PDB file of N, CA and C in Angstrom:
ATOM      1  N   MET A   1       7.881  51.835-107.921  1.00  0.00           N
ATOM      2  CA  MET A   1       6.530  51.541-108.437  1.00  0.00           C
ATOM      3  C   MET A   1       5.502  52.389-107.634  1.00  0.00           C
ATOM      4  N   SER A   2       4.504  52.849-108.357  1.00  0.00           N
ATOM      5  CA  SER A   2       3.457  53.682-107.737  1.00  0.00           C
ATOM      6  C   SER A   2       2.428  52.734-107.101  1.00  0.00           C
ATOM      7  N   GLU A   3       1.334  53.340-106.592  1.00  0.00           N
ATOM      8  CA  GLU A   3       0.278  52.575-106.007  1.00  0.00           C
ATOM      9  C   GLU A   3      -0.397  51.697-107.057  1.00  0.00           C
ATOM     10  N   PRO A   4      -0.840  50.437-106.653  1.00  0.00           N
ATOM     11  CA  PRO A   4      -1.511  49.609-107.649  1.00  0.00           C
ATOM     12  C   PRO A   4      -2.844  50.193-108.091  1.00  0.00           C
ATOM     13  N   VAL A   5      -3.186  49.950-109.359  1.00  0.00           N
ATOM     14  CA  VAL A   5      -4.453  50.343-109.935  1.00  0.00           C
ATOM     15  C   VAL A   5      -5.343  49.136-110.259  1.00  0.00           C
ATOM     16  N   ILE A   6      -4.754  47.926-110.102  1.00  0.00           N
ATOM     17  CA  ILE A   6      -5.478  46.677-110.252  1.00  0.00           C
ATOM     18  C   ILE A   6      -4.980  45.707-109.183  1.00  0.00           C
ATOM     19  N   LEU A   7      -5.950  45.014-108.544  1.00  0.00           N
ATOM     20  CA  LEU A   7      -5.607  44.087-107.457  1.00  0.00           C
ATOM     21  C   LEU A   7      -6.311  42.772-107.621  1.00  0.00           C
ATOM     22  N   PRO A   8      -5.688  41.692-107.170  1.00  0.00           N
ATOM     23  CA  PRO A   8      -6.387  40.420-107.178  1.00  0.00           C
ATOM     24  C   PRO A   8      -7.513  40.444-106.094  1.00  0.00           C
ATOM     25  N   ILE A   9      -8.565  39.729-106.372  1.00  0.00           N
ATOM     26  CA  ILE A   9      -9.662  39.596-105.359  1.00  0.00           C
ATOM     27  C   ILE A   9      -9.313  38.434-104.472  1.00  0.00           C
ATOM     28  N   SER A  10      -9.166  38.671-103.222  1.00  0.00           N
ATOM     29  CA  SER A  10      -8.849  37.569-102.304  1.00  0.00           C
ATOM     30  C   SER A  10      -9.839  36.439-102.317  1.00  0.00           C
ATOM     31  N   ASN A  11      -9.391  35.263-102.187  1.00  0.00           N
ATOM     32  CA  ASN A  11     -10.198  34.044-102.109  1.00  0.00           C
ATOM     33  C   ASN A  11     -10.941  33.750-103.421  1.00  0.00           C
ATOM     34  N   THR A  12     -10.584  34.405-104.543  1.00  0.00           N
ATOM     35  CA  THR A  12     -11.183  34.072-105.824  1.00  0.00           C
ATOM     36  C   THR A  12     -10.102  34.111-106.855  1.00  0.00           C
ATOM     37  N   PRO A  13      -9.329  33.011-106.972  1.00  0.00           N
ATOM     38  CA  PRO A  13      -8.148  32.969-107.900  1.00  0.00           C
ATOM     39  C   PRO A  13      -8.566  33.344-109.318  1.00  0.00           C
ATOM     40  N   GLY A  14      -7.743  34.214-109.913  1.00  0.00           N
ATOM     41  CA  GLY A  14      -7.886  34.595-111.294  1.00  0.00           C
ATOM     42  C   GLY A  14      -8.722  35.832-111.529  1.00  0.00           C
ATOM     43  N   TYR A  15      -9.402  36.377-110.402  1.00  0.00           N
ATOM     44  CA  TYR A  15     -10.191  37.555-110.551  1.00  0.00           C
ATOM     45  C   TYR A  15      -9.459  38.743-110.034  1.00  0.00           C
ATOM     46  N   TYR A  16      -9.589  39.841-110.791  1.00  0.00           N
ATOM     47  CA  TYR A  16      -8.938  41.100-110.470  1.00  0.00           C
ATOM     48  C   TYR A  16      -9.992  42.230-110.545  1.00  0.00           C
ATOM     49  N   VAL A  17      -9.685  43.325-109.827  1.00  0.00           N
ATOM     50  CA  VAL A  17     -10.605  44.454-109.826  1.00  0.00           C
ATOM     51  C   VAL A  17      -9.818  45.743-110.041  1.00  0.00           C
ATOM     52  N   PHE A  18     -10.469  46.641-110.776  1.00  0.00           N
ATOM     53  CA  PHE A  18      -9.900  48.025-110.944  1.00  0.00           C
ATOM     54  C   PHE A  18     -11.018  48.986-110.832  1.00  0.00           C
ATOM     55  N   ARG A  19     -10.646  50.196-110.472  1.00  0.00           N
ATOM     56  CA  ARG A  19     -11.649  51.266-110.299  1.00  0.00           C
ATOM     57  C   ARG A  19     -11.832  52.033-111.606  1.00  0.00           C
ATOM     58  N   CYS A  20     -13.067  52.196-112.036  1.00  0.00           N
ATOM     59  CA  CYS A  20     -13.414  52.898-113.235  1.00  0.00           C
ATOM     60  C   CYS A  20     -13.812  54.281-112.952  1.00  0.00           C
ATOM     61  N   PRO A  21     -13.065  55.313-113.452  1.00  0.00           N
ATOM     62  CA  PRO A  21     -13.431  56.676-113.176  1.00  0.00           C
ATOM     63  C   PRO A  21     -14.646  57.139-113.980  1.00  0.00           C
ATOM     64  N   GLY A  22     -15.008  56.389-115.047  1.00  0.00           N
ATOM     65  CA  GLY A  22     -16.183  56.773-115.783  1.00  0.00           C
ATOM     66  C   GLY A  22     -17.468  56.399-115.104  1.00  0.00           C
ATOM     67  N   CYS A  23     -17.460  55.161-114.537  1.00  0.00           N
ATOM     68  CA  CYS A  23     -18.653  54.640-113.854  1.00  0.00           C
ATOM     69  C   CYS A  23     -18.645  55.013-112.408  1.00  0.00           C
ATOM     70  N   ASN A  24     -17.441  55.352-111.884  1.00  0.00           N
ATOM     71  CA  ASN A  24     -17.239  55.644-110.461  1.00  0.00           C
ATOM     72  C   ASN A  24     -17.565  54.362-109.667  1.00  0.00           C
ATOM     73  N   GLU A  25     -17.203  53.209-110.178  1.00  0.00           N
ATOM     74  CA  GLU A  25     -17.379  51.966-109.468  1.00  0.00           C
ATOM     75  C   GLU A  25     -16.210  50.996-109.919  1.00  0.00           C
ATOM     76  N   SER A  26     -16.149  49.839-109.341  1.00  0.00           N
ATOM     77  CA  SER A  26     -15.155  48.822-109.657  1.00  0.00           C
ATOM     78  C   SER A  26     -15.621  47.935-110.746  1.00  0.00           C
ATOM     79  N   HIS A  27     -14.745  47.537-111.585  1.00  0.00           N
ATOM     80  CA  HIS A  27     -14.983  46.465-112.613  1.00  0.00           C
ATOM     81  C   HIS A  27     -14.117  45.258-112.295  1.00  0.00           C
ATOM     82  N   ARG A  28     -14.627  44.120-112.595  1.00  0.00           N
ATOM     83  CA  ARG A  28     -13.912  42.829-112.264  1.00  0.00           C
ATOM     84  C   ARG A  28     -13.620  42.170-113.580  1.00  0.00           C
ATOM     85  N   ILE A  29     -12.430  41.569-113.654  1.00  0.00           N
ATOM     86  CA  ILE A  29     -12.067  40.741-114.792  1.00  0.00           C
ATOM     87  C   ILE A  29     -11.603  39.371-114.294  1.00  0.00           C
ATOM     88  N   ASN A  30     -11.694  38.380-115.148  1.00  0.00           N
ATOM     89  CA  ASN A  30     -11.246  37.023-114.866  1.00  0.00           C
ATOM     90  C   ASN A  30     -10.087  36.704-115.779  1.00  0.00           C
ATOM     91  N   THR A  31      -8.994  36.183-115.208  1.00  0.00           N
ATOM     92  CA  THR A  31      -7.844  35.818-116.045  1.00  0.00           C
ATOM     93  C   THR A  31      -7.602  34.275-116.088  1.00  0.00           C
ATOM     94  N   ASN A  32      -8.461  33.522-115.476  1.00  0.00           N
ATOM     95  CA  ASN A  32      -8.345  32.074-115.407  1.00  0.00           C
ATOM     96  C   ASN A  32      -9.328  31.421-116.329  1.00  0.00           C
ATOM     97  N   PRO A  33      -8.872  30.807-117.450  1.00  0.00           N
ATOM     98  CA  PRO A  33      -9.758  30.198-118.379  1.00  0.00           C
ATOM     99  C   PRO A  33     -10.613  29.035-117.826  1.00  0.00           C
ATOM    100  N   HIS A  34     -10.266  28.565-116.671  1.00  0.00           N
ATOM    101  CA  HIS A  34     -11.016  27.507-116.012  1.00  0.00           C
ATOM    102  C   HIS A  34     -12.211  28.056-115.201  1.00  0.00           C
ATOM    103  N   ASN A  35     -12.241  29.372-114.928  1.00  0.00           N
ATOM    104  CA  ASN A  35     -13.330  30.025-114.297  1.00  0.00           C
ATOM    105  C   ASN A  35     -14.465  30.214-115.282  1.00  0.00           C
ATOM    106  N   PRO A  36     -15.705  30.169-114.850  1.00  0.00           N
ATOM    107  CA  PRO A  36     -16.815  30.445-115.782  1.00  0.00           C
ATOM    108  C   PRO A  36     -16.823  31.882-116.312  1.00  0.00           C
ATOM    109  N   GLY A  37     -17.321  32.082-117.528  1.00  0.00           N
ATOM    110  CA  GLY A  37     -17.477  33.394-118.096  1.00  0.00           C
ATOM    111  C   GLY A  37     -16.355  33.839-118.935  1.00  0.00           C
ATOM    112  N   ALA A  38     -16.369  35.108-119.246  1.00  0.00           N
ATOM    113  CA  ALA A  38     -15.345  35.699-120.086  1.00  0.00           C
ATOM    114  C   ALA A  38     -13.953  35.692-119.462  1.00  0.00           C
ATOM    115  N   CYS A  39     -12.887  35.665-120.258  1.00  0.00           N
ATOM    116  CA  CYS A  39     -11.541  35.582-119.720  1.00  0.00           C
ATOM    117  C   CYS A  39     -10.639  36.630-120.453  1.00  0.00           C
ATOM    118  N   TRP A  40      -9.876  37.326-119.712  1.00  0.00           N
ATOM    119  CA  TRP A  40      -8.958  38.351-120.287  1.00  0.00           C
ATOM    120  C   TRP A  40      -7.481  37.938-119.959  1.00  0.00           C
ATOM    121  N   SER A  41      -6.583  38.556-120.699  1.00  0.00           N
ATOM    122  CA  SER A  41      -5.178  38.450-120.311  1.00  0.00           C
ATOM    123  C   SER A  41      -4.819  39.742-119.643  1.00  0.00           C
ATOM    124  N   LEU A  42      -3.900  39.582-118.671  1.00  0.00           N
ATOM    125  CA  LEU A  42      -3.453  40.709-117.863  1.00  0.00           C
ATOM    126  C   LEU A  42      -1.945  40.726-117.871  1.00  0.00           C
ATOM    127  N   SER A  43      -1.335  41.808-118.292  1.00  0.00           N
ATOM    128  CA  SER A  43       0.122  41.901-118.238  1.00  0.00           C
ATOM    129  C   SER A  43       0.548  43.280-117.703  1.00  0.00           C
ATOM    130  N   GLY A  44       1.853  43.407-117.423  1.00  0.00           N
ATOM    131  CA  GLY A  44       2.322  44.639-116.863  1.00  0.00           C
ATOM    132  C   GLY A  44       2.238  44.659-115.326  1.00  0.00           C
ATOM    133  N   PRO A  45       2.907  45.683-114.747  1.00  0.00           N
ATOM    134  CA  PRO A  45       2.908  45.778-113.259  1.00  0.00           C
ATOM    135  C   PRO A  45       1.579  46.275-112.769  1.00  0.00           C
ATOM    136  N   PRO A  46       1.301  46.032-111.504  1.00  0.00           N
ATOM    137  CA  PRO A  46      -0.037  46.399-110.965  1.00  0.00           C
ATOM    138  C   PRO A  46      -0.298  47.950-110.925  1.00  0.00           C
ATOM    139  N   ASP A  47       0.710  48.734-111.179  1.00  0.00           N
ATOM    140  CA  ASP A  47       0.436  50.193-111.289  1.00  0.00           C
ATOM    141  C   ASP A  47       0.306  50.640-112.749  1.00  0.00           C
ATOM    142  N   ARG A  48       0.563  49.747-113.750  1.00  0.00           N
ATOM    143  CA  ARG A  48       0.442  50.073-115.118  1.00  0.00           C
ATOM    144  C   ARG A  48      -0.006  48.860-115.983  1.00  0.00           C
ATOM    145  N   PRO A  49      -1.209  48.293-115.596  1.00  0.00           N
ATOM    146  CA  PRO A  49      -1.623  47.037-116.257  1.00  0.00           C
ATOM    147  C   PRO A  49      -2.060  47.285-117.710  1.00  0.00           C
ATOM    148  N   THR A  50      -2.034  46.199-118.431  1.00  0.00           N
ATOM    149  CA  THR A  50      -2.706  46.146-119.744  1.00  0.00           C
ATOM    150  C   THR A  50      -3.618  44.944-119.707  1.00  0.00           C
ATOM    151  N   ILE A  51      -4.839  45.152-120.113  1.00  0.00           N
ATOM    152  CA  ILE A  51      -5.898  44.111-120.156  1.00  0.00           C
ATOM    153  C   ILE A  51      -6.320  43.899-121.587  1.00  0.00           C
ATOM    154  N   SER A  52      -6.396  42.693-121.968  1.00  0.00           N
ATOM    155  CA  SER A  52      -6.838  42.399-123.378  1.00  0.00           C
ATOM    156  C   SER A  52      -7.824  41.207-123.374  1.00  0.00           C
ATOM    157  N   PRO A  53      -8.872  41.239-124.118  1.00  0.00           N
ATOM    158  CA  PRO A  53      -9.267  42.314-125.026  1.00  0.00           C
ATOM    159  C   PRO A  53     -10.013  43.456-124.259  1.00  0.00           C
ATOM    160  N   SER A  54     -10.810  44.204-124.911  1.00  0.00           N
ATOM    161  CA  SER A  54     -11.568  45.306-124.274  1.00  0.00           C
ATOM    162  C   SER A  54     -12.429  44.803-123.160  1.00  0.00           C
ATOM    163  N   VAL A  55     -12.761  45.653-122.232  1.00  0.00           N
ATOM    164  CA  VAL A  55     -13.639  45.385-121.102  1.00  0.00           C
ATOM    165  C   VAL A  55     -15.015  46.066-121.408  1.00  0.00           C
ATOM    166  N   LEU A  56     -16.098  45.246-121.471  1.00  0.00           N
ATOM    167  CA  LEU A  56     -17.424  45.760-121.717  1.00  0.00           C
ATOM    168  C   LEU A  56     -18.304  45.429-120.504  1.00  0.00           C
ATOM    169  N   VAL A  57     -18.866  46.472-119.929  1.00  0.00           N
ATOM    170  CA  VAL A  57     -19.715  46.267-118.753  1.00  0.00           C
ATOM    171  C   VAL A  57     -21.073  46.958-119.078  1.00  0.00           C
ATOM    172  N   ARG A  58     -22.151  46.222-118.861  1.00  0.00           N
ATOM    173  CA  ARG A  58     -23.473  46.741-119.120  1.00  0.00           C
ATOM    174  C   ARG A  58     -24.345  46.537-117.946  1.00  0.00           C
ATOM    175  N   SER A  59     -25.295  47.479-117.710  1.00  0.00           N
ATOM    176  CA  SER A  59     -26.194  47.407-116.592  1.00  0.00           C
ATOM    177  C   SER A  59     -27.640  47.783-117.077  1.00  0.00           C
ATOM    178  N   GLY A  60     -28.614  47.294-116.366  1.00  0.00           N
ATOM    179  CA  GLY A  60     -29.972  47.606-116.606  1.00  0.00           C
ATOM    180  C   GLY A  60     -30.483  47.241-117.984  1.00  0.00           C
ATOM    181  N   HIS A  61     -31.141  48.158-118.669  1.00  0.00           N
ATOM    182  CA  HIS A  61     -31.724  47.811-119.942  1.00  0.00           C
ATOM    183  C   HIS A  61     -30.720  47.601-121.042  1.00  0.00           C
ATOM    184  N   TYR A  62     -29.438  47.963-120.784  1.00  0.00           N
ATOM    185  CA  TYR A  62     -28.410  47.748-121.749  1.00  0.00           C
ATOM    186  C   TYR A  62     -27.925  46.250-121.797  1.00  0.00           C
ATOM    187  N   VAL A  63     -28.294  45.457-120.821  1.00  0.00           N
ATOM    188  CA  VAL A  63     -27.916  44.062-120.803  1.00  0.00           C
ATOM    189  C   VAL A  63     -28.922  43.343-121.718  1.00  0.00           C
ATOM    190  N   PRO A  64     -28.427  42.612-122.735  1.00  0.00           N
ATOM    191  CA  PRO A  64     -29.313  41.890-123.654  1.00  0.00           C
ATOM    192  C   PRO A  64     -30.211  40.921-122.818  1.00  0.00           C
ATOM    193  N   GLY A  65     -31.534  41.116-122.927  1.00  0.00           N
ATOM    194  CA  GLY A  65     -32.456  40.292-122.198  1.00  0.00           C
ATOM    195  C   GLY A  65     -32.507  40.607-120.697  1.00  0.00           C
ATOM    196  N   GLY A  66     -31.873  41.732-120.321  1.00  0.00           N
ATOM    197  CA  GLY A  66     -31.788  42.052-118.859  1.00  0.00           C
ATOM    198  C   GLY A  66     -32.829  42.945-118.284  1.00  0.00           C
ATOM    199  N   THR A  67     -33.796  43.348-119.097  1.00  0.00           N
ATOM    200  CA  THR A  67     -34.867  44.158-118.580  1.00  0.00           C
ATOM    201  C   THR A  67     -35.680  43.349-117.597  1.00  0.00           C
ATOM    202  N   ALA A  68     -36.141  44.015-116.554  1.00  0.00           N
ATOM    203  CA  ALA A  68     -36.947  43.310-115.511  1.00  0.00           C
ATOM    204  C   ALA A  68     -38.178  42.689-116.108  1.00  0.00           C
ATOM    205  N   LYS A  69     -38.741  41.742-115.454  1.00  0.00           N
ATOM    206  CA  LYS A  69     -39.863  40.998-115.883  1.00  0.00           C
ATOM    207  C   LYS A  69     -41.088  41.890-116.264  1.00  0.00           C
ATOM    208  N   ASP A  70     -41.234  42.942-115.511  1.00  0.00           N
ATOM    209  CA  ASP A  70     -42.382  43.857-115.794  1.00  0.00           C
ATOM    210  C   ASP A  70     -42.038  44.932-116.781  1.00  0.00           C
ATOM    211  N   GLY A  71     -40.830  44.829-117.439  1.00  0.00           N
ATOM    212  CA  GLY A  71     -40.424  45.804-118.449  1.00  0.00           C
ATOM    213  C   GLY A  71     -39.815  47.057-117.852  1.00  0.00           C
ATOM    214  N   ARG A  72     -39.589  47.118-116.610  1.00  0.00           N
ATOM    215  CA  ARG A  72     -39.020  48.253-115.995  1.00  0.00           C
ATOM    216  C   ARG A  72     -37.549  48.083-115.815  1.00  0.00           C
ATOM    217  N   CYS A  73     -36.810  49.155-115.623  1.00  0.00           N
ATOM    218  CA  CYS A  73     -35.335  49.154-115.350  1.00  0.00           C
ATOM    219  C   CYS A  73     -35.023  50.202-114.397  1.00  0.00           C
ATOM    220  N   TRP A  74     -33.708  50.342-114.150  1.00  0.00           N
ATOM    221  CA  TRP A  74     -33.266  51.369-113.197  1.00  0.00           C
ATOM    222  C   TRP A  74     -33.581  52.769-113.615  1.00  0.00           C
ATOM    223  N   CYS A  75     -33.677  53.037-114.923  1.00  0.00           N
ATOM    224  CA  CYS A  75     -34.080  54.353-115.401  1.00  0.00           C
ATOM    225  C   CYS A  75     -35.470  54.726-114.892  1.00  0.00           C
ATOM    226  N   ASP A  76     -36.365  53.710-114.922  1.00  0.00           N
ATOM    227  CA  ASP A  76     -37.724  53.879-114.406  1.00  0.00           C
ATOM    228  C   ASP A  76     -37.716  54.272-112.945  1.00  0.00           C
ATOM    229  N   TYR A  77     -36.891  53.418-112.207  1.00  0.00           N
ATOM    230  CA  TYR A  77     -36.779  53.639-110.753  1.00  0.00           C
ATOM    231  C   TYR A  77     -36.315  55.077-110.448  1.00  0.00           C
ATOM    232  N   HIS A  78     -35.273  55.528-111.102  1.00  0.00           N
ATOM    233  CA  HIS A  78     -34.740  56.881-110.867  1.00  0.00           C
ATOM    234  C   HIS A  78     -35.689  57.985-111.242  1.00  0.00           C
ATOM    235  N   ARG A  79     -36.496  57.799-112.286  1.00  0.00           N
ATOM    236  CA  ARG A  79     -37.529  58.769-112.629  1.00  0.00           C
ATOM    237  C   ARG A  79     -38.529  58.895-111.491  1.00  0.00           C
ATOM    238  N   GLU A  80     -38.874  57.772-110.861  1.00  0.00           N
ATOM    239  CA  GLU A  80     -39.847  57.767-109.785  1.00  0.00           C
ATOM    240  C   GLU A  80     -39.279  58.119-108.438  1.00  0.00           C
ATOM    241  N   ASN A  81     -37.940  58.020-108.289  1.00  0.00           N
ATOM    242  CA  ASN A  81     -37.291  58.253-107.029  1.00  0.00           C
ATOM    243  C   ASN A  81     -36.081  59.136-107.242  1.00  0.00           C
ATOM    244  N   PRO A  82     -36.278  60.422-107.606  1.00  0.00           N
ATOM    245  CA  PRO A  82     -35.130  61.367-107.887  1.00  0.00           C
ATOM    246  C   PRO A  82     -34.183  61.401-106.668  1.00  0.00           C
ATOM    247  N   GLY A  83     -32.948  61.472-107.027  1.00  0.00           N
ATOM    248  CA  GLY A  83     -31.884  61.514-105.926  1.00  0.00           C
ATOM    249  C   GLY A  83     -31.507  60.130-105.368  1.00  0.00           C
ATOM    250  N   SER A  84     -32.138  59.093-105.856  1.00  0.00           N
ATOM    251  CA  SER A  84     -31.806  57.764-105.317  1.00  0.00           C
ATOM    252  C   SER A  84     -30.349  57.362-105.659  1.00  0.00           C
ATOM    253  N   ASN A  85     -29.727  56.616-104.758  1.00  0.00           N
ATOM    254  CA  ASN A  85     -28.372  56.146-105.072  1.00  0.00           C
ATOM    255  C   ASN A  85     -28.419  54.678-105.560  1.00  0.00           C
ATOM    256  N   ALA A  86     -29.536  54.230-106.048  1.00  0.00           N
ATOM    257  CA  ALA A  86     -29.709  52.909-106.631  1.00  0.00           C
ATOM    258  C   ALA A  86     -28.849  52.783-107.858  1.00  0.00           C
ATOM    259  N   PRO A  87     -28.581  51.552-108.292  1.00  0.00           N
ATOM    260  CA  PRO A  87     -27.793  51.351-109.520  1.00  0.00           C
ATOM    261  C   PRO A  87     -28.441  52.097-110.723  1.00  0.00           C
ATOM    262  N   THR A  88     -27.641  52.264-111.799  1.00  0.00           N
ATOM    263  CA  THR A  88     -28.153  52.908-112.960  1.00  0.00           C
ATOM    264  C   THR A  88     -27.940  51.988-114.182  1.00  0.00           C
ATOM    265  N   CYS A  89     -28.616  52.375-115.252  1.00  0.00           N
ATOM    266  CA  CYS A  89     -28.439  51.657-116.512  1.00  0.00           C
ATOM    267  C   CYS A  89     -27.326  52.346-117.278  1.00  0.00           C
ATOM    268  N   TYR A  90     -26.292  51.572-117.710  1.00  0.00           N
ATOM    269  CA  TYR A  90     -25.198  52.164-118.435  1.00  0.00           C
ATOM    270  C   TYR A  90     -24.472  51.152-119.275  1.00  0.00           C
ATOM    271  N   VAL A  91     -23.562  51.673-120.134  1.00  0.00           N
ATOM    272  CA  VAL A  91     -22.583  50.909-120.881  1.00  0.00           C
ATOM    273  C   VAL A  91     -21.223  51.534-120.596  1.00  0.00           C
ATOM    274  N   CYS A  92     -20.271  50.715-120.238  1.00  0.00           N
ATOM    275  CA  CYS A  92     -18.861  51.132-120.097  1.00  0.00           C
ATOM    276  C   CYS A  92     -18.022  50.151-120.954  1.00  0.00           C
ATOM    277  N   HIS A  93     -17.392  50.672-121.921  1.00  0.00           N
ATOM    278  CA  HIS A  93     -16.591  49.877-122.859  1.00  0.00           C
ATOM    279  C   HIS A  93     -15.217  50.517-122.982  1.00  0.00           C
ATOM    280  N   SER A  94     -14.145  49.790-122.687  1.00  0.00           N
ATOM    281  CA  SER A  94     -12.851  50.420-122.624  1.00  0.00           C
ATOM    282  C   SER A  94     -11.710  49.407-122.960  1.00  0.00           C
ATOM    283  N   PHE A  95     -10.598  50.022-123.347  1.00  0.00           N
ATOM    284  CA  PHE A  95      -9.339  49.319-123.418  1.00  0.00           C
ATOM    285  C   PHE A  95      -8.474  49.788-122.275  1.00  0.00           C
ATOM    286  N   VAL A  96      -7.778  48.892-121.624  1.00  0.00           N
ATOM    287  CA  VAL A  96      -6.849  49.340-120.549  1.00  0.00           C
ATOM    288  C   VAL A  96      -5.434  48.934-121.076  1.00  0.00           C
ATOM    289  N   ARG A  97      -4.605  49.997-121.217  1.00  0.00           N
ATOM    290  CA  ARG A  97      -3.242  49.790-121.804  1.00  0.00           C
ATOM    291  C   ARG A  97      -2.302  50.613-120.962  1.00  0.00           C
ATOM    292  N   ASP A  98      -1.295  49.956-120.421  1.00  0.00           N
ATOM    293  CA  ASP A  98      -0.234  50.633-119.714  1.00  0.00           C
ATOM    294  C   ASP A  98      -0.737  51.580-118.583  1.00  0.00           C
ATOM    295  N   GLY A  99      -1.790  51.166-117.889  1.00  0.00           N
ATOM    296  CA  GLY A  99      -2.358  51.963-116.800  1.00  0.00           C
ATOM    297  C   GLY A  99      -3.212  53.065-117.203  1.00  0.00           C
ATOM    298  N   GLN A 100      -3.530  53.143-118.483  1.00  0.00           N
ATOM    299  CA  GLN A 100      -4.480  54.180-119.026  1.00  0.00           C
ATOM    300  C   GLN A 100      -5.744  53.466-119.398  1.00  0.00           C
ATOM    301  N   ILE A 101      -6.889  54.079-119.188  1.00  0.00           N
ATOM    302  CA  ILE A 101      -8.158  53.528-119.597  1.00  0.00           C
ATOM    303  C   ILE A 101      -8.696  54.368-120.707  1.00  0.00           C
ATOM    304  N   GLU A 102      -8.860  53.737-121.880  1.00  0.00           N
ATOM    305  CA  GLU A 102      -9.355  54.458-123.059  1.00  0.00           C
ATOM    306  C   GLU A 102     -10.884  54.042-123.233  1.00  0.00           C
ATOM    307  N   PHE A 103     -11.727  55.012-122.976  1.00  0.00           N
ATOM    308  CA  PHE A 103     -13.158  54.814-123.030  1.00  0.00           C
ATOM    309  C   PHE A 103     -13.608  54.920-124.526  1.00  0.00           C
ATOM    310  N   LEU A 104     -14.317  53.864-124.979  1.00  0.00           N
ATOM    311  CA  LEU A 104     -14.794  53.920-126.371  1.00  0.00           C
ATOM    312  C   LEU A 104     -16.076  54.760-126.404  1.00  0.00           C
ATOM    313  N   HIS A 105     -16.411  55.075-127.682  1.00  0.00           N
ATOM    314  CA  HIS A 105     -17.547  56.009-127.819  1.00  0.00           C
ATOM    315  C   HIS A 105     -18.934  55.445-127.573  1.00  0.00           C
ATOM    316  N   ASP A 106     -19.041  54.129-127.386  1.00  0.00           N
ATOM    317  CA  ASP A 106     -20.324  53.551-126.991  1.00  0.00           C
ATOM    318  C   ASP A 106     -20.627  53.608-125.510  1.00  0.00           C
ATOM    319  N   CYS A 107     -19.698  54.190-124.683  1.00  0.00           N
ATOM    320  CA  CYS A 107     -19.956  54.420-123.277  1.00  0.00           C
ATOM    321  C   CYS A 107     -21.069  55.424-123.093  1.00  0.00           C
ATOM    322  N   THR A 108     -21.815  55.230-122.087  1.00  0.00           N
ATOM    323  CA  THR A 108     -22.940  56.182-121.813  1.00  0.00           C
ATOM    324  C   THR A 108     -22.614  57.193-120.722  1.00  0.00           C
ATOM    325  N   HIS A 109     -21.382  57.179-120.237  1.00  0.00           N
ATOM    326  CA  HIS A 109     -20.923  58.150-119.199  1.00  0.00           C
ATOM    327  C   HIS A 109     -20.152  59.309-119.785  1.00  0.00           C
ATOM    328  N   ALA A 110     -19.821  60.238-119.007  1.00  0.00           N
ATOM    329  CA  ALA A 110     -19.208  61.496-119.431  1.00  0.00           C
ATOM    330  C   ALA A 110     -17.764  61.299-119.952  1.00  0.00           C
ATOM    331  N   LEU A 111     -17.107  60.193-119.753  1.00  0.00           N
ATOM    332  CA  LEU A 111     -15.713  60.032-120.177  1.00  0.00           C
ATOM    333  C   LEU A 111     -15.678  59.297-121.529  1.00  0.00           C
ATOM    334  N   ALA A 112     -16.777  59.038-122.169  1.00  0.00           N
ATOM    335  CA  ALA A 112     -16.822  58.385-123.485  1.00  0.00           C
ATOM    336  C   ALA A 112     -15.860  59.154-124.472  1.00  0.00           C
ATOM    337  N   GLY A 113     -15.014  58.360-125.109  1.00  0.00           N
ATOM    338  CA  GLY A 113     -14.079  58.975-126.131  1.00  0.00           C
ATOM    339  C   GLY A 113     -12.810  59.559-125.527  1.00  0.00           C
ATOM    340  N   GLN A 114     -12.616  59.456-124.220  1.00  0.00           N
ATOM    341  CA  GLN A 114     -11.467  59.985-123.517  1.00  0.00           C
ATOM    342  C   GLN A 114     -10.560  58.917-123.034  1.00  0.00           C
ATOM    343  N   THR A 115      -9.265  59.236-122.838  1.00  0.00           N
ATOM    344  CA  THR A 115      -8.279  58.361-122.231  1.00  0.00           C
ATOM    345  C   THR A 115      -7.763  59.002-120.972  1.00  0.00           C
ATOM    346  N   VAL A 116      -7.859  58.288-119.806  1.00  0.00           N
ATOM    347  CA  VAL A 116      -7.422  58.866-118.566  1.00  0.00           C
ATOM    348  C   VAL A 116      -6.650  57.791-117.764  1.00  0.00           C
ATOM    349  N   PRO A 117      -5.824  58.206-116.825  1.00  0.00           N
ATOM    350  CA  PRO A 117      -5.133  57.222-116.005  1.00  0.00           C
ATOM    351  C   PRO A 117      -6.103  56.443-115.081  1.00  0.00           C
ATOM    352  N   LEU A 118      -5.801  55.190-114.891  1.00  0.00           N
ATOM    353  CA  LEU A 118      -6.578  54.439-113.915  1.00  0.00           C
ATOM    354  C   LEU A 118      -6.277  54.935-112.515  1.00  0.00           C
ATOM    355  N   PRO A 119      -7.282  55.145-111.699  1.00  0.00           N
ATOM    356  CA  PRO A 119      -7.001  55.659-110.330  1.00  0.00           C
ATOM    357  C   PRO A 119      -6.487  54.525-109.453  1.00  0.00           C
ATOM    358  N   ALA A 120      -5.690  54.936-108.431  1.00  0.00           N
ATOM    359  CA  ALA A 120      -5.154  53.936-107.490  1.00  0.00           C
ATOM    360  C   ALA A 120      -6.345  53.400-106.695  1.00  0.00           C
ATOM    361  N   LEU A 121      -6.157  52.145-106.249  1.00  0.00           N
ATOM    362  CA  LEU A 121      -7.221  51.533-105.390  1.00  0.00           C
ATOM    363  C   LEU A 121      -7.033  51.903-103.945  1.00  0.00           C
TER     364      LEU A 121
END
């Protein structure tokens, strides 16, 4: 077996994390239907997982109702503070199958429409 690409989050039963090469950050899924929020199924070994259904992550103005109270978002902040490493507004929508991450076309990052291996954690 190769290095794991998905790991359980310690002290939070049912939650797992994987590294997204499109967003260059980690995404978290919940596999326990008793935990609050969305629930996914996870199968396969930790180096070649399959997650079902798709994983949709949104940030900033892409979150329905998520725009700041004053109508501003991270896009505004970055325009005013070039080079900032603050969060960004984005959509990441993917299927994870057999250790591959298939980015759907509604992603706002450079890997939209591509399928790439999940990186080791």
